[in-house]
Amino acid sequence: MRNTLAIIFSAGVASPALAASGPFFSLANTDFVVLISFILFIGVIFYFKVPGMLSAMLDKRADGIKSELDEARALREEAQTLLASYERKQREMQEQAEKIVAAAREEAAMAAEQAKADLQASIARRMATAEDQIASAQASAVREVRDQAITVAIATAREVIAKDISAAAANKLIDDAIGEVDAKLH
């Protein structure tokens, strides 16, 4: 600190001496007055320990900045941790969504196969029912034709018998007709 004062004092003394005209150590010389004022100003600054206060303020400011940087680092680390956590959760959700979609596709394929099988079974049942109805209708038609043939045969036989057949011949004709109808029906 003394070296600093000596340098300032010698710089202050040398520069006004070179620029002033007339005696230097006179209150009429403005350079001398400015030098004395400057030296007094520097003395007052050092007396009130302004450099120490400035140093303390700068140290305090540096400590504040350091604590803010530490806090910022901590916040950054916390943010990175949160980001990693959210990215991990996002990956897990993505995987879960993919599993759900795959399961839904598989389930839809199984449902389509089941619907196809159900449709084929339904068609087979309807075909069987239709075949049964056709067989029943065919049997009914055959019965109706047989009944009609029997009725016509009986009516014809009556007419023929009624006209000119004897009783023995009529009985023989009836027996032959019954046998013939019986043979055709079975």
C-alpha atoms as a PDB file:
ATOM      1  CA  MET A   1       0.000   0.000   0.000  1.00  0.00           C
ATOM      2  CA  ARG A   2       2.886   2.362   0.712  1.00  0.00           C
ATOM      3  CA  ASN A   3       4.406   1.573  -2.664  1.00  0.00           C
ATOM      4  CA  THR A   4       1.160   2.528  -4.321  1.00  0.00           C
ATOM      5  CA  LEU A   5       1.086   5.880  -2.500  1.00  0.00           C
ATOM      6  CA  ALA A   6       4.685   6.580  -3.411  1.00  0.00           C
ATOM      7  CA  ILE A   7       4.013   5.889  -7.093  1.00  0.00           C
ATOM      8  CA  ILE A   8       0.901   8.059  -7.098  1.00  0.00           C
ATOM      9  CA  PHE A   9       2.678  10.875  -5.247  1.00  0.00           C
ATOM     10  CA  SER A  10       5.743  10.834  -7.518  1.00  0.00           C
ATOM     11  CA  ALA A  11       3.549  10.720 -10.648  1.00  0.00           C
ATOM     12  CA  GLY A  12       1.480  13.564  -9.278  1.00  0.00           C
ATOM     13  CA  VAL A  13       4.529  15.685  -8.419  1.00  0.00           C
ATOM     14  CA  ALA A  14       6.367  15.149 -11.687  1.00  0.00           C
ATOM     15  CA  SER A  15       3.525  15.874 -14.070  1.00  0.00           C
ATOM     16  CA  PRO A  16       2.450  19.252 -12.699  1.00  0.00           C
ATOM     17  CA  ALA A  17       6.032  20.417 -12.385  1.00  0.00           C
ATOM     18  CA  LEU A  18       6.562  19.923 -16.080  1.00  0.00           C
ATOM     19  CA  ALA A  19       3.340  21.691 -17.102  1.00  0.00           C
ATOM     20  CA  ALA A  20       3.318  24.683 -14.715  1.00  0.00           C
ATOM     21  CA  SER A  21       4.904  28.035 -15.234  1.00  0.00           C
ATOM     22  CA  GLY A  22       6.438  29.841 -12.336  1.00  0.00           C
ATOM     23  CA  PRO A  23       7.064  28.517  -8.825  1.00  0.00           C
ATOM     24  CA  PHE A  24       5.407  25.139  -8.285  1.00  0.00           C
ATOM     25  CA  PHE A  25       4.972  25.294  -4.503  1.00  0.00           C
ATOM     26  CA  SER A  26       2.627  28.242  -4.512  1.00  0.00           C
ATOM     27  CA  LEU A  27      -1.128  28.328  -3.910  1.00  0.00           C
ATOM     28  CA  ALA A  28      -1.375  30.511  -6.977  1.00  0.00           C
ATOM     29  CA  ASN A  29      -0.285  27.554  -9.087  1.00  0.00           C
ATOM     30  CA  THR A  30      -3.398  25.538  -9.994  1.00  0.00           C
ATOM     31  CA  ASP A  31      -1.403  22.440 -10.659  1.00  0.00           C
ATOM     32  CA  PHE A  32      -0.066  22.500  -7.091  1.00  0.00           C
ATOM     33  CA  VAL A  33      -3.583  22.990  -5.691  1.00  0.00           C
ATOM     34  CA  VAL A  34      -4.917  20.115  -7.796  1.00  0.00           C
ATOM     35  CA  LEU A  35      -2.057  17.904  -6.636  1.00  0.00           C
ATOM     36  CA  ILE A  36      -2.711  18.694  -2.985  1.00  0.00           C
ATOM     37  CA  SER A  37      -6.459  18.110  -3.482  1.00  0.00           C
ATOM     38  CA  PHE A  38      -5.779  14.796  -5.173  1.00  0.00           C
ATOM     39  CA  ILE A  39      -3.438  13.692  -2.401  1.00  0.00           C
ATOM     40  CA  LEU A  40      -5.997  14.728   0.230  1.00  0.00           C
ATOM     41  CA  PHE A  41      -8.725  12.867  -1.669  1.00  0.00           C
ATOM     42  CA  ILE A  42      -6.593   9.702  -1.818  1.00  0.00           C
ATOM     43  CA  GLY A  43      -5.777  10.127   1.879  1.00  0.00           C
ATOM     44  CA  VAL A  44      -9.474  10.487   2.797  1.00  0.00           C
ATOM     45  CA  ILE A  45     -10.302   7.383   0.736  1.00  0.00           C
ATOM     46  CA  PHE A  46      -7.626   5.376   2.551  1.00  0.00           C
ATOM     47  CA  TYR A  47      -8.553   6.898   5.948  1.00  0.00           C
ATOM     48  CA  PHE A  48     -12.174   5.770   5.621  1.00  0.00           C
ATOM     49  CA  LYS A  49     -10.961   2.397   4.295  1.00  0.00           C
ATOM     50  CA  VAL A  50     -12.873   2.737   1.024  1.00  0.00           C
ATOM     51  CA  PRO A  51     -10.629   0.191  -0.757  1.00  0.00           C
ATOM     52  CA  GLY A  52     -11.411  -2.318   1.993  1.00  0.00           C
ATOM     53  CA  MET A  53     -15.113  -1.546   1.719  1.00  0.00           C
ATOM     54  CA  LEU A  54     -14.914  -1.877  -2.071  1.00  0.00           C
ATOM     55  CA  SER A  55     -13.015  -5.114  -1.661  1.00  0.00           C
ATOM     56  CA  ALA A  56     -15.581  -6.357   0.884  1.00  0.00           C
ATOM     57  CA  MET A  57     -18.433  -5.343  -1.434  1.00  0.00           C
ATOM     58  CA  LEU A  58     -16.757  -7.069  -4.373  1.00  0.00           C
ATOM     59  CA  ASP A  59     -16.117 -10.153  -2.235  1.00  0.00           C
ATOM     60  CA  LYS A  60     -19.739 -10.112  -1.104  1.00  0.00           C
ATOM     61  CA  ARG A  61     -20.867  -9.715  -4.711  1.00  0.00           C
ATOM     62  CA  ALA A  62     -18.532 -12.543  -5.751  1.00  0.00           C
ATOM     63  CA  ASP A  63     -19.925 -14.747  -2.978  1.00  0.00           C
ATOM     64  CA  GLY A  64     -23.475 -13.879  -4.101  1.00  0.00           C
ATOM     65  CA  ILE A  65     -22.619 -14.723  -7.695  1.00  0.00           C
ATOM     66  CA  LYS A  66     -20.937 -17.932  -6.558  1.00  0.00           C
ATOM     67  CA  SER A  67     -23.998 -18.940  -4.517  1.00  0.00           C
ATOM     68  CA  GLU A  68     -26.267 -18.084  -7.461  1.00  0.00           C
ATOM     69  CA  LEU A  69     -24.047 -20.188  -9.740  1.00  0.00           C
ATOM     70  CA  ASP A  70     -24.160 -23.056  -7.249  1.00  0.00           C
ATOM     71  CA  GLU A  71     -27.928 -22.714  -7.036  1.00  0.00           C
ATOM     72  CA  ALA A  72     -28.133 -22.572 -10.830  1.00  0.00           C
ATOM     73  CA  ARG A  73     -25.988 -25.733 -11.062  1.00  0.00           C
ATOM     74  CA  ALA A  74     -28.216 -27.464  -8.528  1.00  0.00           C
ATOM     75  CA  LEU A  75     -31.326 -26.364 -10.440  1.00  0.00           C
ATOM     76  CA  ARG A  76     -29.750 -27.517 -13.695  1.00  0.00           C
ATOM     77  CA  GLU A  77     -28.924 -30.925 -12.210  1.00  0.00           C
ATOM     78  CA  GLU A  78     -32.452 -31.168 -10.824  1.00  0.00           C
ATOM     79  CA  ALA A  79     -33.875 -30.184 -14.211  1.00  0.00           C
ATOM     80  CA  GLN A  80     -31.691 -32.786 -15.934  1.00  0.00           C
ATOM     81  CA  THR A  81     -32.861 -35.397 -13.447  1.00  0.00           C
ATOM     82  CA  LEU A  82     -36.488 -34.428 -14.072  1.00  0.00           C
ATOM     83  CA  LEU A  83     -35.910 -34.442 -17.817  1.00  0.00           C
ATOM     84  CA  ALA A  84     -34.367 -37.910 -17.646  1.00  0.00           C
ATOM     85  CA  SER A  85     -37.276 -39.069 -15.483  1.00  0.00           C
ATOM     86  CA  TYR A  86     -39.840 -37.682 -17.934  1.00  0.00           C
ATOM     87  CA  GLU A  87     -37.991 -39.156 -20.894  1.00  0.00           C
ATOM     88  CA  ARG A  88     -37.919 -42.535 -19.143  1.00  0.00           C
ATOM     89  CA  LYS A  89     -41.636 -42.248 -18.369  1.00  0.00           C
ATOM     90  CA  GLN A  90     -42.308 -41.244 -21.976  1.00  0.00           C
ATOM     91  CA  ARG A  91     -40.401 -44.305 -23.227  1.00  0.00           C
ATOM     92  CA  GLU A  92     -42.336 -46.505 -20.811  1.00  0.00           C
ATOM     93  CA  MET A  93     -45.640 -44.993 -21.935  1.00  0.00           C
ATOM     94  CA  GLN A  94     -44.633 -45.435 -25.577  1.00  0.00           C
ATOM     95  CA  GLU A  95     -43.786 -49.094 -24.949  1.00  0.00           C
ATOM     96  CA  GLN A  96     -47.045 -49.566 -23.077  1.00  0.00           C
ATOM     97  CA  ALA A  97     -48.991 -47.912 -25.904  1.00  0.00           C
ATOM     98  CA  GLU A  98     -47.268 -50.179 -28.426  1.00  0.00           C
ATOM     99  CA  LYS A  99     -48.180 -53.214 -26.315  1.00  0.00           C
ATOM    100  CA  ILE A 100     -51.799 -52.039 -26.105  1.00  0.00           C
ATOM    101  CA  VAL A 101     -51.947 -51.517 -29.871  1.00  0.00           C
ATOM    102  CA  ALA A 102     -50.399 -54.946 -30.502  1.00  0.00           C
ATOM    103  CA  ALA A 103     -52.867 -56.563 -28.084  1.00  0.00           C
ATOM    104  CA  ALA A 104     -55.777 -54.736 -29.742  1.00  0.00           C
ATOM    105  CA  ARG A 105     -54.632 -55.894 -33.195  1.00  0.00           C
ATOM    106  CA  GLU A 106     -54.277 -59.460 -31.966  1.00  0.00           C
ATOM    107  CA  GLU A 107     -57.677 -59.302 -30.303  1.00  0.00           C
ATOM    108  CA  ALA A 108     -59.247 -57.853 -33.467  1.00  0.00           C
ATOM    109  CA  ALA A 109     -57.690 -60.646 -35.551  1.00  0.00           C
ATOM    110  CA  MET A 110     -59.023 -63.250 -33.113  1.00  0.00           C
ATOM    111  CA  ALA A 111     -62.460 -61.601 -33.159  1.00  0.00           C
ATOM    112  CA  ALA A 112     -62.420 -61.625 -36.983  1.00  0.00           C
ATOM    113  CA  GLU A 113     -61.478 -65.326 -37.013  1.00  0.00           C
ATOM    114  CA  GLN A 114     -64.229 -66.070 -34.475  1.00  0.00           C
ATOM    115  CA  ALA A 115     -66.768 -64.088 -36.504  1.00  0.00           C
ATOM    116  CA  LYS A 116     -65.707 -65.980 -39.628  1.00  0.00           C
ATOM    117  CA  ALA A 117     -66.113 -69.314 -37.844  1.00  0.00           C
ATOM    118  CA  ASP A 118     -69.500 -68.231 -36.440  1.00  0.00           C
ATOM    119  CA  LEU A 119     -70.642 -67.168 -39.919  1.00  0.00           C
ATOM    120  CA  GLN A 120     -69.581 -70.491 -41.418  1.00  0.00           C
ATOM    121  CA  ALA A 121     -71.413 -72.365 -38.640  1.00  0.00           C
ATOM    122  CA  SER A 122     -74.504 -70.235 -39.187  1.00  0.00           C
ATOM    123  CA  ILE A 123     -74.399 -70.871 -42.947  1.00  0.00           C
ATOM    124  CA  ALA A 124     -73.994 -74.613 -42.326  1.00  0.00           C
ATOM    125  CA  ARG A 125     -77.003 -74.591 -39.938  1.00  0.00           C
ATOM    126  CA  ARG A 126     -79.121 -72.679 -42.444  1.00  0.00           C
ATOM    127  CA  MET A 127     -78.092 -75.032 -45.240  1.00  0.00           C
ATOM    128  CA  ALA A 128     -79.016 -78.040 -43.079  1.00  0.00           C
ATOM    129  CA  THR A 129     -82.351 -76.422 -42.201  1.00  0.00           C
ATOM    130  CA  ALA A 130     -83.006 -75.641 -45.866  1.00  0.00           C
ATOM    131  CA  GLU A 131     -82.127 -79.212 -46.881  1.00  0.00           C
ATOM    132  CA  ASP A 132     -84.476 -80.537 -44.174  1.00  0.00           C
ATOM    133  CA  GLN A 133     -87.254 -78.240 -45.416  1.00  0.00           C
ATOM    134  CA  ILE A 134     -86.636 -79.339 -49.014  1.00  0.00           C
ATOM    135  CA  ALA A 135     -86.720 -83.028 -47.981  1.00  0.00           C
ATOM    136  CA  SER A 136     -89.899 -82.432 -45.970  1.00  0.00           C
ATOM    137  CA  ALA A 137     -91.519 -80.567 -48.870  1.00  0.00           C
ATOM    138  CA  GLN A 138     -90.469 -83.334 -51.271  1.00  0.00           C
ATOM    139  CA  ALA A 139     -91.888 -86.009 -48.987  1.00  0.00           C
ATOM    140  CA  SER A 140     -95.087 -84.009 -48.611  1.00  0.00           C
ATOM    141  CA  ALA A 141     -95.368 -83.605 -52.397  1.00  0.00           C
ATOM    142  CA  VAL A 142     -94.813 -87.355 -52.904  1.00  0.00           C
ATOM    143  CA  ARG A 143     -97.541 -88.108 -50.321  1.00  0.00           C
ATOM    144  CA  GLU A 144     -99.940 -85.700 -52.007  1.00  0.00           C
ATOM    145  CA  VAL A 145     -99.249 -87.260 -55.433  1.00  0.00           C
ATOM    146  CA  ARG A 146     -99.754 -90.763 -53.980  1.00  0.00           C
ATOM    147  CA  ASP A 147    -102.931 -89.730 -52.245  1.00  0.00           C
ATOM    148  CA  GLN A 148    -104.212 -88.111 -55.419  1.00  0.00           C
ATOM    149  CA  ALA A 149    -103.249 -91.209 -57.453  1.00  0.00           C
ATOM    150  CA  ILE A 150    -105.021 -93.432 -54.963  1.00  0.00           C
ATOM    151  CA  THR A 151    -108.109 -91.235 -55.069  1.00  0.00           C
ATOM    152  CA  VAL A 152    -108.146 -91.239 -58.877  1.00  0.00           C
ATOM    153  CA  ALA A 153    -107.538 -94.985 -58.951  1.00  0.00           C
ATOM    154  CA  ILE A 154    -110.349 -95.598 -56.510  1.00  0.00           C
ATOM    155  CA  ALA A 155    -112.729 -93.362 -58.430  1.00  0.00           C
ATOM    156  CA  THR A 156    -111.812 -95.050 -61.712  1.00  0.00           C
ATOM    157  CA  ALA A 157    -112.144 -98.443 -60.142  1.00  0.00           C
ATOM    158  CA  ARG A 158    -115.634 -97.569 -58.871  1.00  0.00           C
ATOM    159  CA  GLU A 159    -116.767 -96.437 -62.245  1.00  0.00           C
ATOM    160  CA  VAL A 160    -115.400 -99.510 -63.943  1.00  0.00           C
ATOM    161  CA  ILE A 161    -116.794-101.790 -61.277  1.00  0.00           C
ATOM    162  CA  ALA A 162    -120.079-100.084 -61.262  1.00  0.00           C
ATOM    163  CA  LYS A 163    -120.511-100.484 -65.023  1.00  0.00           C
ATOM    164  CA  ASP A 164    -119.827-104.061 -65.849  1.00  0.00           C
ATOM    165  CA  ILE A 165    -117.816-106.094 -63.471  1.00  0.00           C
ATOM    166  CA  SER A 166    -119.035-108.935 -61.429  1.00  0.00           C
ATOM    167  CA  ALA A 167    -118.403-109.000 -57.744  1.00  0.00           C
ATOM    168  CA  ALA A 168    -115.641-111.598 -57.940  1.00  0.00           C
ATOM    169  CA  ALA A 169    -113.845-109.741 -60.696  1.00  0.00           C
ATOM    170  CA  ALA A 170    -114.248-106.467 -58.765  1.00  0.00           C
ATOM    171  CA  ASN A 171    -112.703-107.965 -55.669  1.00  0.00           C
ATOM    172  CA  LYS A 172    -109.811-109.286 -57.728  1.00  0.00           C
ATOM    173  CA  LEU A 173    -109.263-105.864 -59.295  1.00  0.00           C
ATOM    174  CA  ILE A 174    -109.351-104.180 -55.874  1.00  0.00           C
ATOM    175  CA  ASP A 175    -106.848-106.654 -54.481  1.00  0.00           C
ATOM    176  CA  ASP A 176    -104.558-106.148 -57.493  1.00  0.00           C
ATOM    177  CA  ALA A 177    -104.790-102.321 -57.176  1.00  0.00           C
ATOM    178  CA  ILE A 178    -104.054-102.430 -53.435  1.00  0.00           C
ATOM    179  CA  GLY A 179    -101.081-104.690 -54.049  1.00  0.00           C
ATOM    180  CA  GLU A 180     -99.805-102.452 -56.833  1.00  0.00           C
ATOM    181  CA  VAL A 181    -100.189 -99.287 -54.716  1.00  0.00           C
ATOM    182  CA  ASP A 182     -98.578-101.039 -51.808  1.00  0.00           C
ATOM    183  CA  ALA A 183     -95.628-102.053 -53.965  1.00  0.00           C
ATOM    184  CA  LYS A 184     -95.176 -98.503 -55.291  1.00  0.00           C
ATOM    185  CA  LEU A 185     -95.377 -96.883 -51.879  1.00  0.00           C
ATOM    186  CA  HIS A 186     -92.817 -99.097 -50.304  1.00  0.00           C
END
